[in-house]
C-alpha atoms as a PDB file:
ATOM      1  CA  MET A   1     243.445  43.001 144.254  1.00  0.00           C
ATOM      2  CA  ILE A   2     240.115  41.460 144.160  1.00  0.00           C
ATOM      3  CA  ASN A   3     237.385  42.660 146.096  1.00  0.00           C
ATOM      4  CA  LEU A   4     236.239  39.964 148.643  1.00  0.00           C
ATOM      5  CA  GLU A   5     232.744  41.693 148.729  1.00  0.00           C
ATOM      6  CA  ILE A   6     232.393  41.244 145.048  1.00  0.00           C
ATOM      7  CA  LEU A   7     232.968  37.957 144.466  1.00  0.00           C
ATOM      8  CA  LYS A   8     230.292  37.150 147.793  1.00  0.00           C
ATOM      9  CA  LEU A   9     227.652  39.346 145.727  1.00  0.00           C
ATOM     10  CA  GLU A  10     228.302  37.630 142.569  1.00  0.00           C
ATOM     11  CA  SER A  11     228.401  34.316 144.180  1.00  0.00           C
ATOM     12  CA  LEU A  12     225.401  34.849 145.861  1.00  0.00           C
ATOM     13  CA  ARG A  13     223.673  36.001 142.938  1.00  0.00           C
ATOM     14  CA  ASN A  14     224.818  32.977 140.981  1.00  0.00           C
ATOM     15  CA  PHE A  15     223.391  30.444 144.002  1.00  0.00           C
ATOM     16  CA  ARG A  16     219.742  32.819 143.889  1.00  0.00           C
ATOM     17  CA  ASN A  17     219.392  32.679 139.993  1.00  0.00           C
ATOM     18  CA  GLN A  18     219.903  28.904 140.642  1.00  0.00           C
ATOM     19  CA  LEU A  19     216.536  28.429 143.253  1.00  0.00           C
ATOM     20  CA  LEU A  20     215.089  30.477 140.959  1.00  0.00           C
ATOM     21  CA  LYS A  21     215.542  27.829 137.932  1.00  0.00           C
ATOM     22  CA  ASP A  22     215.116  25.469 140.066  1.00  0.00           C
ATOM     23  CA  SER A  23     211.309  26.384 141.191  1.00  0.00           C
ATOM     24  CA  ASP A  24     210.915  28.237 138.083  1.00  0.00           C
ATOM     25  CA  TRP A  25     207.764  25.119 137.051  1.00  0.00           C
ATOM     26  CA  ILE A  26     206.160  25.257 140.329  1.00  0.00           C
ATOM     27  CA  VAL A  27     204.452  28.839 140.239  1.00  0.00           C
ATOM     28  CA  LEU A  28     203.416  27.884 136.576  1.00  0.00           C
ATOM     29  CA  PRO A  29     199.389  27.385 136.347  1.00  0.00           C
ATOM     30  CA  ASP A  30     199.421  24.124 135.939  1.00  0.00           C
ATOM     31  CA  SER A  31     201.693  22.675 138.499  1.00  0.00           C
ATOM     32  CA  PRO A  32     200.447  19.931 140.613  1.00  0.00           C
ATOM     33  CA  VAL A  33     200.650  22.161 143.466  1.00  0.00           C
ATOM     34  CA  SER A  34     197.791  23.724 145.770  1.00  0.00           C
ATOM     35  CA  PRO A  35     197.404  27.279 145.631  1.00  0.00           C
ATOM     36  CA  ASP A  36     198.506  27.924 148.959  1.00  0.00           C
ATOM     37  CA  LYS A  37     201.694  25.902 148.558  1.00  0.00           C
ATOM     38  CA  ARG A  38     202.252  27.883 145.243  1.00  0.00           C
ATOM     39  CA  GLN A  39     201.572  31.290 147.066  1.00  0.00           C
ATOM     40  CA  GLU A  40     204.618  30.252 149.681  1.00  0.00           C
ATOM     41  CA  TRP A  41     206.897  29.899 146.681  1.00  0.00           C
ATOM     42  CA  ILE A  42     205.862  33.358 145.248  1.00  0.00           C
ATOM     43  CA  VAL A  43     206.526  34.749 148.454  1.00  0.00           C
ATOM     44  CA  TYR A  44     209.784  32.476 148.484  1.00  0.00           C
ATOM     45  CA  ARG A  45     211.136  33.941 145.245  1.00  0.00           C
ATOM     46  CA  GLN A  46     210.559  37.291 145.609  1.00  0.00           C
ATOM     47  CA  TYR A  47     212.218  36.681 149.155  1.00  0.00           C
ATOM     48  CA  LEU A  48     215.381  35.472 146.736  1.00  0.00           C
ATOM     49  CA  ARG A  49     214.854  38.164 143.941  1.00  0.00           C
ATOM     50  CA  ASP A  50     215.541  40.604 147.052  1.00  0.00           C
ATOM     51  CA  LEU A  51     218.927  39.093 147.439  1.00  0.00           C
ATOM     52  CA  PRO A  52     221.588  40.043 148.139  1.00  0.00           C
ATOM     53  CA  GLU A  53     219.561  43.598 149.466  1.00  0.00           C
ATOM     54  CA  ASN A  54     218.621  41.531 152.823  1.00  0.00           C
ATOM     55  CA  PHE A  55     221.370  39.050 152.892  1.00  0.00           C
ATOM     56  CA  ASP A  56     223.665  40.034 156.007  1.00  0.00           C
ATOM     57  CA  PHE A  57     227.433  38.442 154.999  1.00  0.00           C
ATOM     58  CA  SER A  58     228.449  39.535 158.681  1.00  0.00           C
ATOM     59  CA  GLY A  59     231.888  38.948 157.502  1.00  0.00           C
ATOM     60  CA  GLN A  60     232.169  35.154 157.243  1.00  0.00           C
ATOM     61  CA  ILE A  61     232.946  32.821 154.173  1.00  0.00           C
ATOM     62  CA  TRP A  62     229.883  32.041 152.535  1.00  0.00           C
ATOM     63  CA  THR A  63     229.682  28.095 151.062  1.00  0.00           C
ATOM     64  CA  ASP A  64     226.850  26.968 149.002  1.00  0.00           C
ATOM     65  CA  GLU A  65     226.137  24.834 152.388  1.00  0.00           C
ATOM     66  CA  ILE A  66     226.312  27.751 154.848  1.00  0.00           C
ATOM     67  CA  MET A  67     224.110  30.263 152.088  1.00  0.00           C
ATOM     68  CA  ARG A  68     221.696  27.092 151.568  1.00  0.00           C
ATOM     69  CA  SER A  69     221.148  27.368 155.681  1.00  0.00           C
ATOM     70  CA  ARG A  70     220.444  30.896 155.578  1.00  0.00           C
ATOM     71  CA  ILE A  71     218.531  31.378 152.498  1.00  0.00           C
ATOM     72  CA  LEU A  72     216.430  28.095 152.406  1.00  0.00           C
ATOM     73  CA  PRO A  73     213.246  27.902 155.155  1.00  0.00           C
ATOM     74  CA  SER A  74     213.755  25.135 157.272  1.00  0.00           C
ATOM     75  CA  PRO A  75     211.918  22.133 156.875  1.00  0.00           C
END
């Protein structure tokens, strides 16, 4: 029997890891962003690292689109 909770967690971790990889460059010292923006990214990346502990699945089916809407900041 497949444990759906484990699959959800693995999917979330994979998604989180990709977001962290995609944003590695922005926190480097020679990144072309302002110090204030860099600090915002540092806070956001820490939030990602804290996943899945700070994530509520609420029994829903989690697609990439749903995870993006729950994880990524609103525009």
